[in-house]
C-alpha atoms as a PDB file:
ATOM      1  CA  MET A   1     -17.195  36.159 -21.577  1.00  0.00           C
ATOM      2  CA  LYS A   2     -15.261  36.297 -18.659  1.00  0.00           C
ATOM      3  CA  SER A   3     -17.985  35.321 -16.555  1.00  0.00           C
ATOM      4  CA  LYS A   4     -18.267  32.502 -18.506  1.00  0.00           C
ATOM      5  CA  GLY A   5     -14.919  31.480 -18.468  1.00  0.00           C
ATOM      6  CA  LEU A   6     -14.863  31.261 -14.756  1.00  0.00           C
ATOM      7  CA  LEU A   7     -17.854  29.168 -14.425  1.00  0.00           C
ATOM      8  CA  TRP A   8     -15.834  26.734 -16.895  1.00  0.00           C
ATOM      9  CA  LEU A   9     -13.144  26.311 -14.477  1.00  0.00           C
ATOM     10  CA  THR A  10     -14.727  26.132 -11.552  1.00  0.00           C
ATOM     11  CA  LEU A  11     -16.794  23.189 -13.004  1.00  0.00           C
ATOM     12  CA  ILE A  12     -13.739  21.719 -14.221  1.00  0.00           C
ATOM     13  CA  LEU A  13     -11.759  22.367 -10.961  1.00  0.00           C
ATOM     14  CA  GLY A  14     -14.795  20.456  -9.141  1.00  0.00           C
ATOM     15  CA  ILE A  15     -14.860  17.350 -11.454  1.00  0.00           C
ATOM     16  CA  LEU A  16     -11.037  16.900 -11.000  1.00  0.00           C
ATOM     17  CA  THR A  17     -10.880  17.608  -7.207  1.00  0.00           C
ATOM     18  CA  THR A  18     -13.453  15.155  -6.664  1.00  0.00           C
ATOM     19  CA  SER A  19     -11.971  12.458  -8.835  1.00  0.00           C
ATOM     20  CA  PRO A  20     -11.801   9.061  -6.787  1.00  0.00           C
ATOM     21  CA  SER A  21      -7.807   7.934  -6.623  1.00  0.00           C
ATOM     22  CA  PHE A  22      -7.044   4.197  -5.939  1.00  0.00           C
ATOM     23  CA  ALA A  23      -4.300   2.786  -4.730  1.00  0.00           C
ATOM     24  CA  ILE A  24      -2.573  -0.186  -7.468  1.00  0.00           C
ATOM     25  CA  LEU A  25       0.085  -2.476  -6.297  1.00  0.00           C
ATOM     26  CA  ILE A  26       2.767  -3.029  -8.667  1.00  0.00           C
ATOM     27  CA  SER A  27       5.580  -6.342  -8.391  1.00  0.00           C
ATOM     28  CA  GLN A  28       8.751  -5.237  -9.557  1.00  0.00           C
ATOM     29  CA  PRO A  29      11.923  -7.248  -9.242  1.00  0.00           C
ATOM     30  CA  SER A  30      15.345  -6.453  -7.076  1.00  0.00           C
ATOM     31  CA  GLN A  31      18.274  -7.820  -5.794  1.00  0.00           C
ATOM     32  CA  PHE A  32      16.314 -10.258  -4.272  1.00  0.00           C
ATOM     33  CA  GLY A  33      14.918 -11.498  -7.354  1.00  0.00           C
ATOM     34  CA  ASP A  34      11.864 -11.216  -9.919  1.00  0.00           C
ATOM     35  CA  ASP A  35       8.938  -9.992  -8.385  1.00  0.00           C
ATOM     36  CA  THR A  36      10.090  -9.436  -4.897  1.00  0.00           C
ATOM     37  CA  ILE A  37       9.401  -5.295  -4.451  1.00  0.00           C
ATOM     38  CA  THR A  38       5.322  -4.445  -4.223  1.00  0.00           C
ATOM     39  CA  LEU A  39       5.096  -0.612  -5.313  1.00  0.00           C
ATOM     40  CA  ASP A  40       2.081   1.218  -3.314  1.00  0.00           C
ATOM     41  CA  THR A  41       1.351   4.236  -5.935  1.00  0.00           C
ATOM     42  CA  ASP A  42      -0.772   5.510  -3.091  1.00  0.00           C
ATOM     43  CA  THR A  43       2.183   6.358  -1.015  1.00  0.00           C
ATOM     44  CA  GLY A  44       5.170   5.501  -3.248  1.00  0.00           C
ATOM     45  CA  LEU A  45       6.508   2.811  -1.008  1.00  0.00           C
ATOM     46  CA  ARG A  46       8.413   0.280  -2.221  1.00  0.00           C
ATOM     47  CA  TRP A  47       7.954  -2.798   0.291  1.00  0.00           C
ATOM     48  CA  LEU A  48      10.426  -5.965  -0.052  1.00  0.00           C
ATOM     49  CA  ASP A  49       8.693  -9.393   0.070  1.00  0.00           C
ATOM     50  CA  VAL A  50       8.042 -10.044   3.834  1.00  0.00           C
ATOM     51  CA  PHE A  51      10.370 -13.201   4.251  1.00  0.00           C
ATOM     52  CA  GLN A  52      14.173 -13.342   3.069  1.00  0.00           C
ATOM     53  CA  GLY A  53      15.234 -16.172   5.488  1.00  0.00           C
ATOM     54  CA  ALA A  54      14.785 -16.789   9.141  1.00  0.00           C
ATOM     55  CA  TYR A  55      16.465 -13.643  10.345  1.00  0.00           C
ATOM     56  CA  SER A  56      15.695 -12.376  13.610  1.00  0.00           C
ATOM     57  CA  TYR A  57      14.917  -8.472  13.818  1.00  0.00           C
ATOM     58  CA  ASN A  58      18.165  -7.848  15.530  1.00  0.00           C
ATOM     59  CA  ALA A  59      19.990  -9.335  12.721  1.00  0.00           C
ATOM     60  CA  VAL A  60      18.183  -7.435  10.359  1.00  0.00           C
ATOM     61  CA  LYS A  61      18.687  -4.120  11.975  1.00  0.00           C
ATOM     62  CA  SER A  62      22.172  -4.932  11.441  1.00  0.00           C
ATOM     63  CA  MET A  63      22.097  -5.481   7.593  1.00  0.00           C
ATOM     64  CA  MET A  64      20.897  -2.488   6.994  1.00  0.00           C
ATOM     65  CA  GLY A  65      23.905  -0.266   6.558  1.00  0.00           C
ATOM     66  CA  SER A  66      26.584   0.287   3.942  1.00  0.00           C
ATOM     67  CA  GLY A  67      27.049  -2.816   1.962  1.00  0.00           C
ATOM     68  CA  GLY A  68      24.629  -4.924   4.153  1.00  0.00           C
ATOM     69  CA  ARG A  69      22.016  -7.197   2.736  1.00  0.00           C
ATOM     70  CA  PHE A  70      19.303  -5.032   3.271  1.00  0.00           C
ATOM     71  CA  GLU A  71      21.041  -1.710   2.729  1.00  0.00           C
ATOM     72  CA  GLY A  72      18.514   1.214   1.765  1.00  0.00           C
ATOM     73  CA  PHE A  73      15.875  -0.367   3.250  1.00  0.00           C
ATOM     74  CA  ARG A  74      14.101   0.421   6.629  1.00  0.00           C
ATOM     75  CA  TYR A  75      11.368  -0.823   8.832  1.00  0.00           C
ATOM     76  CA  ALA A  76       7.787  -0.019   8.210  1.00  0.00           C
ATOM     77  CA  THR A  77       6.475   2.150  10.723  1.00  0.00           C
ATOM     78  CA  GLU A  78       2.921   1.579  12.449  1.00  0.00           C
ATOM     79  CA  GLN A  79       1.473   4.503  10.262  1.00  0.00           C
ATOM     80  CA  GLU A  80       2.970   3.290   7.311  1.00  0.00           C
ATOM     81  CA  VAL A  81       1.342  -0.493   7.746  1.00  0.00           C
ATOM     82  CA  HIS A  82      -1.870   0.795   9.175  1.00  0.00           C
ATOM     83  CA  THR A  83      -1.914   2.861   5.906  1.00  0.00           C
ATOM     84  CA  LEU A  84      -0.934  -0.072   3.723  1.00  0.00           C
ATOM     85  CA  LEU A  85      -3.994  -2.244   5.032  1.00  0.00           C
ATOM     86  CA  PHE A  86      -6.495   0.281   5.783  1.00  0.00           C
ATOM     87  CA  GLY A  87      -5.980   3.115   3.236  1.00  0.00           C
ATOM     88  CA  SER A  88      -4.215   1.835   0.142  1.00  0.00           C
ATOM     89  CA  LEU A  89      -6.071  -1.704   0.571  1.00  0.00           C
ATOM     90  CA  GLY A  90      -9.037  -0.290   1.738  1.00  0.00           C
ATOM     91  CA  ILE A  91      -9.654  -3.260   4.710  1.00  0.00           C
ATOM     92  CA  ASP A  92     -12.191  -1.866   7.362  1.00  0.00           C
ATOM     93  CA  SER A  93      -9.979  -1.048  10.215  1.00  0.00           C
ATOM     94  CA  GLU A  94     -12.979  -1.501  13.027  1.00  0.00           C
ATOM     95  CA  TYR A  95     -13.084  -5.214  11.791  1.00  0.00           C
ATOM     96  CA  ALA A  96      -9.675  -5.634  12.176  1.00  0.00           C
ATOM     97  CA  THR A  97     -10.036  -4.475  15.942  1.00  0.00           C
ATOM     98  CA  SER A  98     -13.129  -6.388  16.579  1.00  0.00           C
ATOM     99  CA  HIS A  99     -13.641  -9.742  17.236  1.00  0.00           C
ATOM    100  CA  ASN A 100     -16.506 -10.118  14.800  1.00  0.00           C
ATOM    101  CA  ALA A 101     -16.896 -12.551  11.878  1.00  0.00           C
ATOM    102  CA  PRO A 102     -14.501 -11.340   9.245  1.00  0.00           C
ATOM    103  CA  THR A 103     -16.369 -10.568   5.862  1.00  0.00           C
ATOM    104  CA  SER A 104     -15.539 -12.252   2.652  1.00  0.00           C
ATOM    105  CA  ASP A 105     -14.314  -8.751   1.424  1.00  0.00           C
ATOM    106  CA  ALA A 106     -11.813  -8.185   4.123  1.00  0.00           C
ATOM    107  CA  LEU A 107     -10.437 -11.842   3.608  1.00  0.00           C
ATOM    108  CA  GLU A 108     -10.030 -11.258  -0.174  1.00  0.00           C
ATOM    109  CA  ARG A 109      -8.091  -7.983   0.284  1.00  0.00           C
ATOM    110  CA  ILE A 110      -6.200  -9.826   3.117  1.00  0.00           C
ATOM    111  CA  ALA A 111      -5.260 -12.594  -0.099  1.00  0.00           C
ATOM    112  CA  HIS A 112      -4.852 -10.158  -2.627  1.00  0.00           C
ATOM    113  CA  LEU A 113      -1.953  -8.377  -0.045  1.00  0.00           C
ATOM    114  CA  ILE A 114      -0.288 -11.879   0.491  1.00  0.00           C
ATOM    115  CA  SER A 115      -0.202 -12.617  -3.305  1.00  0.00           C
ATOM    116  CA  PHE A 116       2.065  -9.661  -3.446  1.00  0.00           C
ATOM    117  CA  PHE A 117       4.168  -9.517  -0.258  1.00  0.00           C
ATOM    118  CA  ASP A 118       4.856 -13.367   0.064  1.00  0.00           C
ATOM    119  CA  TYR A 119       3.544 -15.479   2.833  1.00  0.00           C
ATOM    120  CA  THR A 120       5.652 -17.035   6.187  1.00  0.00           C
ATOM    121  CA  MET A 121       3.348 -19.816   6.681  1.00  0.00           C
ATOM    122  CA  GLY A 122       1.193 -22.063   4.334  1.00  0.00           C
ATOM    123  CA  VAL A 123      -1.202 -25.483   3.850  1.00  0.00           C
ATOM    124  CA  GLY A 124      -2.261 -26.736   0.852  1.00  0.00           C
ATOM    125  CA  VAL A 125      -1.833 -25.875  -2.795  1.00  0.00           C
ATOM    126  CA  VAL A 126      -3.835 -23.411  -5.184  1.00  0.00           C
ATOM    127  CA  GLN A 127      -4.419 -26.316  -7.846  1.00  0.00           C
ATOM    128  CA  GLU A 128      -6.746 -28.140  -5.297  1.00  0.00           C
ATOM    129  CA  ASN A 129      -8.813 -24.982  -4.428  1.00  0.00           C
ATOM    130  CA  PHE A 130      -8.194 -25.450  -0.879  1.00  0.00           C
ATOM    131  CA  TYR A 131      -5.319 -23.801   1.215  1.00  0.00           C
ATOM    132  CA  GLY A 132      -4.424 -21.202   3.797  1.00  0.00           C
ATOM    133  CA  ARG A 133      -1.933 -18.537   4.191  1.00  0.00           C
ATOM    134  CA  ILE A 134      -0.387 -16.782   7.101  1.00  0.00           C
ATOM    135  CA  LEU A 135       1.572 -13.814   6.707  1.00  0.00           C
ATOM    136  CA  ASP A 136       3.222 -12.789   9.924  1.00  0.00           C
ATOM    137  CA  ALA A 137       5.913  -9.906  10.253  1.00  0.00           C
ATOM    138  CA  VAL A 138       7.336  -7.436  12.449  1.00  0.00           C
ATOM    139  CA  PHE A 139       7.331  -3.520  12.169  1.00  0.00           C
ATOM    140  CA  GLU A 140       8.472  -0.626  14.052  1.00  0.00           C
ATOM    141  CA  SER A 141       6.241   1.879  16.432  1.00  0.00           C
ATOM    142  CA  ASN A 142       6.172   5.240  14.775  1.00  0.00           C
ATOM    143  CA  ASP A 143       8.417   7.016  17.203  1.00  0.00           C
ATOM    144  CA  ARG A 144      10.890   3.445  16.827  1.00  0.00           C
ATOM    145  CA  SER A 145      11.100   2.708  20.368  1.00  0.00           C
ATOM    146  CA  ARG A 146       9.044  -0.604  19.886  1.00  0.00           C
ATOM    147  CA  VAL A 147       9.069  -3.615  17.901  1.00  0.00           C
ATOM    148  CA  LEU A 148       5.655  -4.129  16.864  1.00  0.00           C
ATOM    149  CA  GLN A 149       4.047  -7.656  14.574  1.00  0.00           C
ATOM    150  CA  THR A 150       0.817  -8.166  12.796  1.00  0.00           C
ATOM    151  CA  VAL A 151      -0.796 -11.767  11.979  1.00  0.00           C
ATOM    152  CA  LEU A 152      -2.819 -11.448   8.565  1.00  0.00           C
ATOM    153  CA  SER A 153      -4.268 -14.719   7.534  1.00  0.00           C
ATOM    154  CA  TYR A 154      -7.280 -16.158   5.269  1.00  0.00           C
ATOM    155  CA  ASN A 155      -8.326 -20.031   4.206  1.00  0.00           C
ATOM    156  CA  TYR A 156      -9.924 -20.230   0.846  1.00  0.00           C
ATOM    157  CA  PHE A 157     -11.807 -23.190   0.044  1.00  0.00           C
ATOM    158  CA  TYR A 158     -13.555 -24.052  -3.131  1.00  0.00           C
ATOM    159  CA  GLY A 159     -14.086 -20.326  -4.368  1.00  0.00           C
ATOM    160  CA  GLU A 160     -14.965 -19.034  -0.973  1.00  0.00           C
ATOM    161  CA  TYR A 161     -12.867 -17.029   1.542  1.00  0.00           C
ATOM    162  CA  SER A 162     -13.092 -17.980   5.561  1.00  0.00           C
ATOM    163  CA  GLU A 163     -11.692 -17.641   8.541  1.00  0.00           C
ATOM    164  CA  GLY A 164      -8.467 -15.642   9.335  1.00  0.00           C
ATOM    165  CA  GLY A 165      -8.037 -12.050   9.851  1.00  0.00           C
ATOM    166  CA  ILE A 166      -5.504  -9.562  11.176  1.00  0.00           C
ATOM    167  CA  GLN A 167      -4.361  -9.153  14.831  1.00  0.00           C
ATOM    168  CA  PHE A 168      -1.866  -6.204  16.201  1.00  0.00           C
ATOM    169  CA  PHE A 169       0.399  -7.110  19.346  1.00  0.00           C
ATOM    170  CA  GLU A 170       3.671  -6.514  20.456  1.00  0.00           C
ATOM    171  CA  ALA A 171       6.613  -8.145  19.379  1.00  0.00           C
ATOM    172  CA  TRP A 172       7.862 -10.731  22.016  1.00  0.00           C
ATOM    173  CA  PRO A 173      11.659  -9.580  23.543  1.00  0.00           C
ATOM    174  CA  ASP A 174      13.256 -12.896  22.730  1.00  0.00           C
ATOM    175  CA  SER A 175      12.021 -13.154  18.999  1.00  0.00           C
ATOM    176  CA  LEU A 176      14.055  -9.934  18.251  1.00  0.00           C
ATOM    177  CA  VAL A 177      16.944 -12.172  18.816  1.00  0.00           C
ATOM    178  CA  ARG A 178      16.003 -15.313  17.105  1.00  0.00           C
ATOM    179  CA  ASN A 179      13.184 -16.473  14.446  1.00  0.00           C
ATOM    180  CA  VAL A 180      11.583 -19.598  15.167  1.00  0.00           C
ATOM    181  CA  ASN A 181       7.950 -19.504  14.036  1.00  0.00           C
ATOM    182  CA  PRO A 182       9.231 -17.839  11.528  1.00  0.00           C
ATOM    183  CA  TYR A 183       7.868 -14.535  11.027  1.00  0.00           C
ATOM    184  CA  GLY A 184       8.965 -12.096   8.058  1.00  0.00           C
ATOM    185  CA  HIS A 185       9.946  -7.989   8.199  1.00  0.00           C
ATOM    186  CA  PHE A 186       8.054  -5.266   6.663  1.00  0.00           C
ATOM    187  CA  LEU A 187      10.866  -3.306   5.158  1.00  0.00           C
ATOM    188  CA  VAL A 188      10.489  -0.507   2.610  1.00  0.00           C
ATOM    189  CA  ARG A 189      12.461   1.633   0.605  1.00  0.00           C
ATOM    190  CA  ASP A 190      11.434   5.301   0.227  1.00  0.00           C
ATOM    191  CA  VAL A 191      10.843   6.514  -3.372  1.00  0.00           C
ATOM    192  CA  PRO A 192       9.382  10.051  -4.687  1.00  0.00           C
ATOM    193  CA  VAL A 193       5.710  10.087  -5.122  1.00  0.00           C
ATOM    194  CA  ALA A 194       4.497  11.156  -8.891  1.00  0.00           C
ATOM    195  CA  VAL A 195       2.024  13.729  -9.158  1.00  0.00           C
ATOM    196  CA  ASP A 196      -1.442  11.735  -9.602  1.00  0.00           C
ATOM    197  CA  GLU A 197      -3.522  11.760 -12.689  1.00  0.00           C
ATOM    198  CA  PRO A 198      -5.921  13.730 -11.390  1.00  0.00           C
ATOM    199  CA  GLY A 199      -3.377  16.007 -10.396  1.00  0.00           C
ATOM    200  CA  SER A 200      -1.954  16.539 -13.621  1.00  0.00           C
ATOM    201  CA  LEU A 201      -5.408  17.314 -15.318  1.00  0.00           C
ATOM    202  CA  LEU A 202      -5.615  19.975 -12.784  1.00  0.00           C
ATOM    203  CA  LEU A 203      -2.174  21.638 -13.721  1.00  0.00           C
ATOM    204  CA  LEU A 204      -3.263  21.180 -17.802  1.00  0.00           C
ATOM    205  CA  ALA A 205      -6.764  22.713 -17.115  1.00  0.00           C
ATOM    206  CA  LEU A 206      -5.299  25.674 -15.522  1.00  0.00           C
ATOM    207  CA  GLY A 207      -2.850  25.978 -18.174  1.00  0.00           C
ATOM    208  CA  MET A 208      -5.727  25.951 -20.641  1.00  0.00           C
ATOM    209  CA  PHE A 209      -7.619  28.160 -19.195  1.00  0.00           C
ATOM    210  CA  PHE A 210      -5.209  30.969 -18.644  1.00  0.00           C
ATOM    211  CA  PHE A 211      -3.942  30.486 -22.097  1.00  0.00           C
ATOM    212  CA  VAL A 212      -7.510  31.303 -23.357  1.00  0.00           C
ATOM    213  CA  GLN A 213      -7.931  34.020 -21.281  1.00  0.00           C
ATOM    214  CA  ARG A 214      -4.899  35.346 -22.862  1.00  0.00           C
ATOM    215  CA  ARG A 215      -5.774  35.205 -26.475  1.00  0.00           C
ATOM    216  CA  ARG A 216      -9.038  36.721 -25.788  1.00  0.00           C
ATOM    217  CA  ASN A 217      -7.264  39.554 -24.173  1.00  0.00           C
ATOM    218  CA  VAL A 218      -5.078  40.067 -27.197  1.00  0.00           C
ATOM    219  CA  ARG A 219      -8.123  39.854 -29.896  1.00  0.00           C
ATOM    220  CA  GLN A 220      -9.817  42.628 -27.545  1.00  0.00           C
ATOM    221  CA  ARG A 221      -6.617  44.969 -27.281  1.00  0.00           C
ATOM    222  CA  LYS A 222      -6.367  44.767 -31.454  1.00  0.00           C
END
């Protein structure tokens, strides 16, 4: 009986630990308005909509202190931006750094992200089924020593995504003190990461197994 119980537990652990986990983006309100925060359930980070006014990088940094407009937020790091794009969103990282024609799947994922994060430049209107969107935003290197920038873009034409893509580069020094183009800001707020569903089920399975084993031991003693 004991060997069967261990086999049962092994099968459950195998199923639970191999269950896929997918990130879900959830819109939330903030002091900036409705649907201005995007929660990435994969990382637990709360991302502020990229454009909150034509502020320069230096201006935003100065407003992160106590009582400032962006109190409680910080600039996302290069790793966090890459995790968002290539992990949570599932965009192929090789596609982002190549000069090949973008796939419709990658462009659709970019469009999905921009629908949550807002855009900094756009042409056309959705109702006419022909429009383009650009998300241009700055963030910081992993060691906080450099300011980096990425441009995400796509065009939509009657049910088809075309052109666009992802570009990464280092921000121009002049852009740190002024914002003309304009560009936005990848700002995040840390939140505790909840235990994911597979992890919760794993704990439940372990509890059930040891509970059953304990009852069997008690009966055997009687």
